[in-house]
């Protein structure tokens, strides 16, 4: 009985060791029908050759690269789709004892040969020949095996694609949610925005050329544009690619950094001397990415979006206030109608110049104008003397109280700028703005404009 138990225990140990060897050598236990069961993560290279086709892939530091017929970054999904085709190969049938050199199989001059390299220098080499009479299948042989294999025709169609199809067309490979900084340089402009999330929410701040709150929507739109930017095509790089393609005098340089400290720098060079004209008149620029030995061609529309000015990314909101929280508004003006309104439980009421119910529609327009007040331009802080802009003694002051705070916000309007704008300041900052005349136009011109009808 003891010897029987020992025999069972020894068998179990043997099975466990065998499983360990299979997993250690092959990466995992093959699924039913698989020949090799190699883990894609353990593969290191793939060479494919055939009529009019030849390419080689190589994995470096976990990233796939095309190394033949050119050197360039490969798209991970495209590369691993081809690798997995061999690593997880499942024949549809096999035949033993046949002459593999029979012309009917087409294996003496195969349509395609593929060699997959994986852990510790091991290789799998397969030859793909003619289609079988059944259709949707291809004859194949595997080096080191004597059987004839029938494989799904998708194996041939997946491998039989050009090296250009393997290229990574995206310029930047960072996770959108992890981006923490963006730096843009063009001409004399150097613009930087940083993201320091607070309580799980993005907090974008303009830090170059000045410190100010950034417009979250516009900033993230631009980050997304850069992350989604793709090469239209690739061109050969000469010995002096920097001068040849204008990278020594960039049109734009854009850099993204993520939370782990990874950076991606895109350099936009010269516009193509004889730009290809698409149906919409599109023009093109040369581009390259640090760390990638490739010259790309990108659309002028993408380049144009990168040439931002500070005002394009600066938060243009002049007041940080919610329309629904405003409970009191007073307007004092030398030239316009002066009044005060307050929110009550039954609606808005006038408190000055008379006590009366206020027109809801008119009040609603004013509250929207206040909450949505935006800067068209920013006056240089060094030139920001309020006297120069009619703000030392403003023509109109709008005073606002909000629920939940003791703060009183004052918005002052000074001299006109052109036909539809005014200089403006708030009590929260010394910054002088140029704003639309919309709020001033919506102020009531007389009592009847804001007093509700009896």
Protein backbone atom coordinates (compact mmCIF):
# COMPACT_ATOMS: atom_id res chain seq x y z
CA UNK A 1 0.00 0.00 0.00
CA UNK A 2 2.81 2.39 0.90
CA UNK A 3 4.58 1.68 -2.41
CA UNK A 4 1.30 2.39 -4.26
CA UNK A 5 0.97 5.77 -2.51
CA UNK A 6 4.61 6.56 -3.24
CA UNK A 7 4.03 5.74 -6.93
CA UNK A 8 1.05 8.08 -7.11
CA UNK A 9 3.01 10.83 -5.35
CA UNK A 10 5.92 10.37 -7.75
CA UNK A 11 3.55 10.57 -10.72
CA UNK A 12 2.02 13.76 -9.42
CA UNK A 13 5.45 15.27 -8.91
CA UNK A 14 6.40 14.26 -12.45
CA UNK A 15 3.25 15.86 -13.89
CA UNK A 16 3.88 19.03 -11.91
CA UNK A 17 7.48 19.17 -13.11
CA UNK A 18 6.36 18.58 -16.68
CA UNK A 19 3.82 21.38 -16.42
CA UNK A 20 6.49 23.64 -14.95
CA UNK A 21 8.87 22.84 -17.82
CA UNK A 22 6.17 23.50 -20.41
CA UNK A 23 5.19 26.78 -18.83
CA UNK A 24 8.78 27.84 -18.22
CA UNK A 25 9.92 26.90 -21.70
CA UNK A 26 6.86 27.95 -23.69
CA UNK A 27 5.39 30.69 -21.50
CA UNK A 28 2.03 28.97 -20.89
CA UNK A 29 0.12 25.72 -21.41
CA UNK A 30 -1.07 25.68 -25.05
CA UNK A 31 -4.79 25.94 -25.67
CA UNK A 32 -6.48 22.98 -27.35
CA UNK A 33 -5.33 22.72 -30.94
CA UNK A 34 -2.33 25.04 -30.58
CA UNK A 35 1.01 23.80 -31.82
CA UNK A 36 3.36 25.97 -29.80
CA UNK A 37 1.57 27.88 -27.05
CA UNK A 38 4.24 30.59 -26.99
CA UNK A 39 3.36 33.73 -25.04
CA UNK A 40 3.42 36.85 -27.19
CA UNK A 41 5.13 38.63 -24.29
CA UNK A 42 8.06 36.16 -24.61
CA UNK A 43 8.62 36.75 -28.33
CA UNK A 44 11.61 38.79 -29.44
CA UNK A 45 11.53 38.93 -33.22
CA UNK A 46 9.75 38.06 -36.45
CA UNK A 47 11.16 37.74 -39.96
CA UNK A 48 8.87 37.38 -42.96
CA UNK A 49 9.87 36.97 -46.59
CA UNK A 50 8.01 36.17 -49.76
CA UNK A 51 7.47 37.29 -53.31
CA UNK A 52 7.86 41.09 -53.22
CA UNK A 53 7.75 41.06 -49.44
CA UNK A 54 10.44 41.16 -46.78
CA UNK A 55 10.40 42.65 -43.31
CA UNK A 56 11.86 42.03 -39.87
CA UNK A 57 10.50 42.99 -36.47
CA UNK A 58 12.55 43.20 -33.29
CA UNK A 59 11.49 43.87 -29.73
CA UNK A 60 13.58 46.39 -27.79
CA UNK A 61 12.79 47.25 -24.18
CA UNK A 62 9.27 45.91 -24.61
CA UNK A 63 8.57 47.93 -27.77
CA UNK A 64 8.38 46.54 -31.31
CA UNK A 65 10.50 48.06 -34.07
CA UNK A 66 10.71 47.43 -37.79
CA UNK A 67 14.40 46.81 -38.54
CA UNK A 68 14.09 45.77 -42.17
CA UNK A 69 13.64 47.15 -44.88
CA UNK A 70 13.84 50.35 -42.80
CA UNK A 71 14.26 51.20 -39.14
CA UNK A 72 11.25 52.65 -37.40
CA UNK A 73 8.81 52.27 -34.52
CA UNK A 74 6.14 49.64 -35.10
CA UNK A 75 2.55 49.86 -34.03
CA UNK A 76 2.19 47.42 -31.15
CA UNK A 77 -1.20 46.04 -32.21
CA UNK A 78 -0.12 45.56 -35.83
CA UNK A 79 3.13 43.88 -34.82
CA UNK A 80 1.60 41.58 -32.22
CA UNK A 81 -1.23 40.57 -34.54
CA UNK A 82 1.39 39.05 -36.85
CA UNK A 83 3.42 37.58 -33.98
CA UNK A 84 0.35 35.99 -32.40
CA UNK A 85 -0.58 34.38 -35.72
CA UNK A 86 2.44 32.09 -35.31
CA UNK A 87 2.75 31.99 -31.51
CA UNK A 88 -0.84 30.74 -31.13
CA UNK A 89 -0.95 28.78 -34.39
CA UNK A 90 -3.87 26.32 -34.67
CA UNK A 91 -3.77 24.06 -37.75
CA UNK A 92 -7.08 23.02 -39.26
CA UNK A 93 -5.60 19.63 -40.14
CA UNK A 94 -2.46 17.50 -40.55
CA UNK A 95 -1.29 14.64 -42.76
CA UNK A 96 1.52 12.26 -41.99
CA UNK A 97 3.73 10.26 -44.30
CA UNK A 98 3.42 12.55 -47.33
CA UNK A 99 6.16 13.96 -49.53
CA UNK A 100 6.43 17.61 -48.51
CA UNK A 101 8.33 18.34 -51.74
CA UNK A 102 5.31 17.44 -53.86
CA UNK A 103 4.59 20.36 -56.23
CA UNK A 104 0.92 20.19 -55.28
CA UNK A 105 1.77 21.64 -51.88
CA UNK A 106 3.95 24.49 -53.19
CA UNK A 107 6.39 24.17 -50.29
CA UNK A 108 9.63 23.84 -52.25
CA UNK A 109 9.12 27.42 -53.39
CA UNK A 110 6.84 28.75 -50.64
CA UNK A 111 4.73 31.84 -51.04
CA UNK A 112 5.94 33.03 -47.66
CA UNK A 113 8.45 32.07 -44.98
CA UNK A 114 8.13 33.31 -41.41
CA UNK A 115 10.54 32.87 -38.49
CA UNK A 116 9.42 33.72 -34.98
CA UNK A 117 12.07 34.14 -32.27
CA UNK A 118 11.24 33.81 -28.59
CA UNK A 119 12.73 33.11 -25.16
CA UNK A 120 16.45 32.37 -25.00
CA UNK A 121 17.03 32.35 -28.75
CA UNK A 122 14.53 29.63 -29.70
CA UNK A 123 12.81 29.86 -33.09
CA UNK A 124 9.75 28.63 -34.95
CA UNK A 125 10.00 28.61 -38.74
CA UNK A 126 7.03 27.97 -40.99
CA UNK A 127 6.63 27.78 -44.76
CA UNK A 128 3.34 28.62 -46.46
CA UNK A 129 2.57 27.12 -49.86
CA UNK A 130 -0.45 26.63 -52.10
CA UNK A 131 -4.10 26.88 -51.20
CA UNK A 132 -5.79 23.54 -50.49
CA UNK A 133 -8.56 22.29 -52.81
CA UNK A 134 -11.01 22.85 -49.96
CA UNK A 135 -10.35 26.60 -50.03
CA UNK A 136 -9.85 28.98 -47.13
CA UNK A 137 -6.82 26.84 -46.18
CA UNK A 138 -3.11 26.92 -46.98
CA UNK A 139 -0.59 24.08 -47.02
CA UNK A 140 2.31 24.59 -44.62
CA UNK A 141 5.35 22.88 -43.20
CA UNK A 142 7.16 23.61 -39.98
CA UNK A 143 10.90 23.24 -39.64
CA UNK A 144 11.71 20.23 -37.47
CA UNK A 145 8.33 18.58 -38.14
CA UNK A 146 7.65 15.90 -40.78
CA UNK A 147 3.88 16.40 -41.06
CA UNK A 148 2.02 18.42 -43.67
CA UNK A 149 -0.14 21.08 -42.05
CA UNK A 150 -3.26 22.83 -43.25
CA UNK A 151 -3.60 26.32 -41.85
CA UNK A 152 -6.41 28.88 -42.06
CA UNK A 153 -5.80 31.16 -45.05
CA UNK A 154 -5.96 34.08 -42.61
CA UNK A 155 -2.44 33.12 -41.49
CA UNK A 156 -1.11 33.96 -44.96
CA UNK A 157 -3.21 37.11 -45.36
CA UNK A 158 -2.15 38.41 -41.93
CA UNK A 159 1.57 37.87 -42.54
CA UNK A 160 1.53 38.89 -46.21
CA UNK A 161 1.28 42.66 -45.62
CA UNK A 162 3.86 45.34 -46.33
CA UNK A 163 6.30 46.71 -43.79
CA UNK A 164 4.67 50.13 -44.15
CA UNK A 165 1.50 48.68 -42.64
CA UNK A 166 3.49 47.96 -39.49
CA UNK A 167 4.55 51.55 -38.86
CA UNK A 168 3.39 53.45 -35.81
CA UNK A 169 1.73 56.51 -37.32
CA UNK A 170 0.96 58.23 -34.04
CA UNK A 171 3.62 60.70 -33.04
CA UNK A 172 3.05 60.58 -29.28
CA UNK A 173 2.32 57.48 -27.18
CA UNK A 174 1.33 58.76 -23.75
CA UNK A 175 -1.84 58.07 -21.78
CA UNK A 176 -4.13 61.15 -21.96
CA UNK A 177 -5.08 60.93 -18.28
CA UNK A 178 -1.41 60.89 -17.26
CA UNK A 179 -0.29 64.04 -19.11
CA UNK A 180 0.98 66.63 -16.64
CA UNK A 181 2.70 69.25 -18.77
CA UNK A 182 2.69 70.68 -22.29
CA UNK A 183 5.35 73.02 -23.68
CA UNK A 184 4.96 74.76 -27.05
CA UNK A 185 7.66 76.83 -28.75
CA UNK A 186 7.32 78.75 -32.01
CA UNK A 187 8.99 81.97 -33.06
CA UNK A 188 9.40 84.15 -29.97
CA UNK A 189 6.62 82.34 -28.12
CA UNK A 190 7.27 79.76 -25.41
CA UNK A 191 4.08 78.58 -23.78
CA UNK A 192 3.77 76.04 -20.98
CA UNK A 193 0.77 74.66 -19.14
CA UNK A 194 1.00 72.26 -16.19
CA UNK A 195 -1.62 70.03 -14.65
CA UNK A 196 -1.61 69.47 -10.88
CA UNK A 197 -4.79 67.46 -10.18
CA UNK A 198 -6.60 68.27 -6.96
CA UNK A 199 -9.00 65.78 -5.39
CA UNK A 200 -8.99 63.77 -8.60
CA UNK A 201 -9.88 66.76 -10.80
CA UNK A 202 -7.61 68.35 -13.39
CA UNK A 203 -6.11 71.70 -12.49
CA UNK A 204 -4.43 73.27 -15.52
CA UNK A 205 -2.26 76.34 -14.95
CA UNK A 206 -0.45 78.52 -17.45
CA UNK A 207 3.15 78.88 -16.21
CA UNK A 208 4.89 80.39 -19.27
CA UNK A 209 5.11 83.15 -20.35
CA UNK A 210 3.02 84.17 -17.32
CA UNK A 211 1.27 82.56 -14.37
CA UNK A 212 -2.50 82.36 -14.79
CA UNK A 213 -5.32 79.86 -14.72
CA UNK A 214 -5.56 77.91 -17.97
CA UNK A 215 -8.75 77.21 -19.85
CA UNK A 216 -9.32 73.52 -19.14
CA UNK A 217 -11.41 72.78 -22.23
CA UNK A 218 -9.06 74.47 -24.72
CA UNK A 219 -5.97 73.02 -23.06
CA UNK A 220 -7.25 69.46 -23.06
CA UNK A 221 -8.44 69.86 -26.65
CA UNK A 222 -4.90 70.78 -27.64
CA UNK A 223 -3.36 67.92 -25.64
CA UNK A 224 -5.77 65.53 -27.35
CA UNK A 225 -4.90 66.98 -30.75
CA UNK A 226 -1.23 66.31 -30.11
CA UNK A 227 -1.89 62.79 -28.81
CA UNK A 228 -4.02 61.98 -31.86
CA UNK A 229 -1.63 63.53 -34.39
CA UNK A 230 -0.60 61.02 -37.05
CA UNK A 231 1.91 60.86 -39.87
CA UNK A 232 0.32 60.96 -43.30
CA UNK A 233 3.38 59.18 -44.63
CA UNK A 234 7.12 58.71 -44.05
CA UNK A 235 10.04 59.92 -46.15
CA UNK A 236 13.65 58.89 -46.44
CA UNK A 237 16.04 60.84 -44.22
CA UNK A 238 19.34 61.96 -45.71
CA UNK A 239 22.65 62.34 -43.92
CA UNK A 240 21.70 65.87 -42.85
CA UNK A 241 18.01 65.46 -42.12
CA UNK A 242 17.96 68.39 -39.70
CA UNK A 243 18.87 70.95 -42.37
CA UNK A 244 17.20 69.10 -45.23
CA UNK A 245 13.79 69.06 -43.55
CA UNK A 246 14.02 72.23 -41.48
CA UNK A 247 14.45 70.62 -38.06
CA UNK A 248 17.41 72.90 -37.32
CA UNK A 249 15.00 75.86 -37.48
CA UNK A 250 11.70 74.38 -36.27
CA UNK A 251 8.35 75.82 -37.16
CA UNK A 252 6.97 74.45 -33.87
CA UNK A 253 8.33 72.29 -31.06
CA UNK A 254 5.81 70.57 -28.81
CA UNK A 255 6.60 68.51 -25.72
CA UNK A 256 4.32 66.47 -23.49
CA UNK A 257 5.35 65.01 -20.11
CA UNK A 258 3.44 62.52 -18.01
CA UNK A 259 3.12 61.71 -14.32
CA UNK A 260 5.96 59.18 -14.51
CA UNK A 261 8.38 61.67 -16.01
CA UNK A 262 8.20 60.31 -19.55
CA UNK A 263 8.44 62.95 -22.25
CA UNK A 264 7.61 63.05 -25.94
CA UNK A 265 9.00 65.87 -28.08
CA UNK A 266 7.61 66.59 -31.53
CA UNK A 267 9.60 68.86 -33.84
CA UNK A 268 7.81 70.36 -36.83
CA UNK A 269 10.26 71.35 -39.54
CA UNK A 270 9.78 73.04 -42.88
CA UNK A 271 6.72 73.05 -45.08
CA UNK A 272 7.17 70.80 -48.10
CA UNK A 273 8.72 72.87 -50.88
CA UNK A 274 6.28 71.48 -53.40
CA UNK A 275 3.39 70.50 -51.16
CA UNK A 276 1.11 67.75 -52.30
CA UNK A 277 -2.28 69.28 -52.93
CA UNK A 278 -5.23 67.24 -51.77
CA UNK A 279 -8.73 67.98 -52.99
CA UNK A 280 -9.15 70.49 -50.17
CA UNK A 281 -5.84 72.21 -50.88
CA UNK A 282 -4.15 70.63 -47.85
CA UNK A 283 -0.48 71.37 -47.31
CA UNK A 284 2.12 69.37 -45.40
CA UNK A 285 5.06 69.76 -43.00
CA UNK A 286 7.99 67.55 -42.10
CA UNK A 287 7.99 66.23 -38.53
CA UNK A 288 10.08 64.04 -36.28
CA UNK A 289 9.90 62.76 -32.72
CA UNK A 290 12.88 62.57 -30.37
CA UNK A 291 14.00 58.98 -30.04
CA UNK A 292 12.57 57.92 -33.41
CA UNK A 293 14.84 57.77 -36.46
CA UNK A 294 12.07 58.66 -38.89
CA UNK A 295 10.98 61.67 -40.91
CA UNK A 296 7.22 62.02 -41.12
CA UNK A 297 4.84 64.20 -43.07
CA UNK A 298 1.96 65.78 -41.13
CA UNK A 299 -0.97 67.94 -42.11
CA UNK A 300 -0.72 71.74 -42.00
CA UNK A 301 -4.02 71.82 -40.09
CA UNK A 302 -2.36 69.98 -37.17
CA UNK A 303 0.63 72.32 -37.25
CA UNK A 304 -1.62 75.37 -37.24
CA UNK A 305 -3.35 74.15 -34.08
CA UNK A 306 0.00 73.95 -32.28
CA UNK A 307 0.88 77.59 -32.94
CA UNK A 308 -1.05 78.91 -29.97
CA UNK A 309 -0.68 82.26 -28.26
CA UNK A 310 -0.92 82.60 -24.45
CA UNK A 311 -4.43 84.05 -24.70
CA UNK A 312 -5.58 80.94 -26.59
CA UNK A 313 -4.98 78.74 -23.53
CA UNK A 314 -5.53 81.25 -20.75
CA UNK A 315 -8.79 80.95 -18.86
CA UNK A 316 -10.78 83.89 -20.22
CA UNK A 317 -13.36 83.79 -17.46
CA UNK A 318 -13.08 87.06 -15.55
CA UNK A 319 -15.27 86.02 -12.63
CA UNK A 320 -15.42 82.69 -10.83
CA UNK A 321 -19.07 82.69 -9.95
CA UNK A 322 -22.12 80.49 -10.53
CA UNK A 323 -25.20 82.16 -11.97
CA UNK A 324 -27.47 80.26 -9.56
CA UNK A 325 -25.48 81.50 -6.53
CA UNK A 326 -25.85 85.22 -7.29
CA UNK A 327 -28.31 86.78 -4.84
CA UNK A 328 -27.68 90.53 -5.20
CA UNK A 329 -26.64 92.87 -8.04
CA UNK A 330 -26.12 96.62 -7.83
CA UNK A 331 -25.20 98.79 -10.82
CA UNK A 332 -23.80 102.28 -10.27
CA UNK A 333 -23.15 104.36 -13.35
CA UNK A 334 -22.46 107.96 -14.30
CA UNK A 335 -24.15 107.63 -17.71
CA UNK A 336 -26.39 104.59 -17.44
CA UNK A 337 -29.42 103.68 -15.35
CA UNK A 338 -28.45 102.76 -11.76
CA UNK A 339 -30.37 100.12 -9.84
CA UNK A 340 -30.16 97.26 -7.33
CA UNK A 341 -31.92 93.89 -7.35
CA UNK A 342 -32.05 91.09 -4.78
CA UNK A 343 -33.15 87.48 -4.92
CA UNK A 344 -36.08 86.60 -2.59
CA UNK A 345 -37.86 83.32 -1.97
CA UNK A 346 -40.54 84.33 -4.48
CA UNK A 347 -38.16 85.71 -7.11
CA UNK A 348 -36.12 88.85 -7.87
CA UNK A 349 -37.08 92.27 -6.54
CA UNK A 350 -35.89 95.79 -7.19
CA UNK A 351 -34.49 97.62 -4.17
CA UNK A 352 -33.35 100.75 -6.01
CA UNK A 353 -34.51 103.19 -7.25
CA UNK A 354 -37.88 101.74 -6.14
CA UNK A 355 -39.15 98.63 -4.40
CA UNK A 356 -40.87 96.44 -6.98
CA UNK A 357 -40.90 93.01 -8.57
CA UNK A 358 -38.19 92.65 -11.24
CA UNK A 359 -38.63 91.19 -14.71
CA UNK A 360 -37.38 87.61 -14.57
CA UNK A 361 -36.25 87.46 -18.21
CA UNK A 362 -34.22 90.66 -17.91
CA UNK A 363 -32.61 89.55 -14.65
CA UNK A 364 -31.76 86.16 -16.15
CA UNK A 365 -30.00 87.84 -19.10
CA UNK A 366 -27.91 89.94 -16.71
CA UNK A 367 -26.94 86.97 -14.55
CA UNK A 368 -25.80 85.02 -17.61
CA UNK A 369 -23.75 87.97 -18.84
CA UNK A 370 -22.05 88.31 -15.43
CA UNK A 371 -21.25 84.60 -15.00
CA UNK A 372 -20.02 84.24 -18.60
CA UNK A 373 -17.96 87.44 -18.75
CA UNK A 374 -14.74 86.67 -20.65
CA UNK A 375 -11.61 88.52 -21.66
CA UNK A 376 -11.01 89.22 -25.30
CA UNK A 377 -7.56 90.57 -24.54
CA UNK A 378 -5.28 91.08 -21.56
CA UNK A 379 -3.52 94.40 -21.03
CA UNK A 380 0.18 93.94 -20.30
CA UNK A 381 0.57 94.15 -16.54
CA UNK A 382 3.54 96.51 -16.90
CA UNK A 383 1.28 98.94 -18.77
CA UNK A 384 -1.67 98.36 -16.45
CA UNK A 385 -2.19 101.87 -15.02
CA UNK A 386 -5.98 102.10 -14.44
CA UNK A 387 -5.95 105.85 -15.19
CA UNK A 388 -4.91 105.18 -18.79
CA UNK A 389 -8.00 103.05 -19.36
CA UNK A 390 -10.69 105.04 -17.59
CA UNK A 391 -10.68 102.67 -14.61
CA UNK A 392 -9.43 105.02 -11.88
CA UNK A 393 -12.92 106.54 -11.84
CA UNK A 394 -14.98 103.93 -13.71
CA UNK A 395 -18.02 104.86 -15.75
CA UNK A 396 -19.95 101.80 -14.51
CA UNK A 397 -19.49 99.46 -11.54
CA UNK A 398 -21.41 96.21 -11.17
CA UNK A 399 -21.41 94.91 -7.57
CA UNK A 400 -22.27 91.25 -6.96
CA UNK A 401 -23.04 89.23 -3.81
CA UNK A 402 -23.23 85.40 -3.88
CA UNK A 403 -24.72 82.80 -1.55
CA UNK A 404 -22.28 81.11 0.79
CA UNK A 405 -19.66 83.87 0.86
CA UNK A 406 -19.13 87.26 2.42
CA UNK A 407 -17.08 88.35 -0.55
CA UNK A 408 -18.32 91.31 -2.58
CA UNK A 409 -17.22 91.18 -6.20
CA UNK A 410 -16.99 94.44 -8.14
CA UNK A 411 -16.64 94.66 -11.91
CA UNK A 412 -15.54 98.08 -13.19
CA UNK A 413 -15.92 99.28 -16.80
CA UNK A 414 -13.72 102.05 -18.21
CA UNK A 415 -13.10 103.49 -21.67
CA UNK A 416 -14.48 102.00 -24.86
CA UNK A 417 -12.23 99.93 -27.13
CA UNK A 418 -13.41 100.20 -30.70
CA UNK A 419 -17.12 99.83 -31.35
CA UNK A 420 -17.99 96.78 -29.26
CA UNK A 421 -15.61 96.42 -26.30
CA UNK A 422 -14.52 98.11 -23.06
CA UNK A 423 -11.63 98.05 -20.62
CA UNK A 424 -12.55 96.21 -17.46
CA UNK A 425 -11.19 95.28 -14.00
CA UNK A 426 -12.50 93.27 -11.08
CA UNK A 427 -11.93 93.69 -7.35
CA UNK A 428 -10.20 90.27 -7.36
CA UNK A 429 -7.21 91.33 -9.45
CA UNK A 430 -5.13 94.22 -10.77
CA UNK A 431 -5.33 92.70 -14.25
CA UNK A 432 -6.96 94.92 -16.88
CA UNK A 433 -9.03 93.19 -19.55
CA UNK A 434 -10.74 94.05 -22.79
CA UNK A 435 -14.27 92.60 -22.76
CA UNK A 436 -17.28 92.51 -25.03
CA UNK A 437 -19.92 95.20 -24.54
CA UNK A 438 -22.61 92.52 -24.14
CA UNK A 439 -23.13 93.02 -20.38
CA UNK A 440 -23.34 96.79 -20.72
CA UNK A 441 -25.79 96.48 -23.61
CA UNK A 442 -28.02 94.22 -21.52
CA UNK A 443 -28.21 96.69 -18.64
CA UNK A 444 -31.66 98.31 -18.47
CA UNK A 445 -31.77 101.79 -19.94
CA UNK A 446 -34.63 102.86 -17.70
CA UNK A 447 -36.81 101.59 -14.86
CA UNK A 448 -39.48 100.07 -17.09
CA UNK A 449 -36.92 97.81 -18.72
CA UNK A 450 -36.39 95.86 -15.48
CA UNK A 451 -39.54 96.53 -13.45
CA UNK A 452 -42.20 93.87 -13.89
CA UNK A 453 -45.55 95.01 -15.20
CA UNK A 454 -48.23 95.41 -12.53
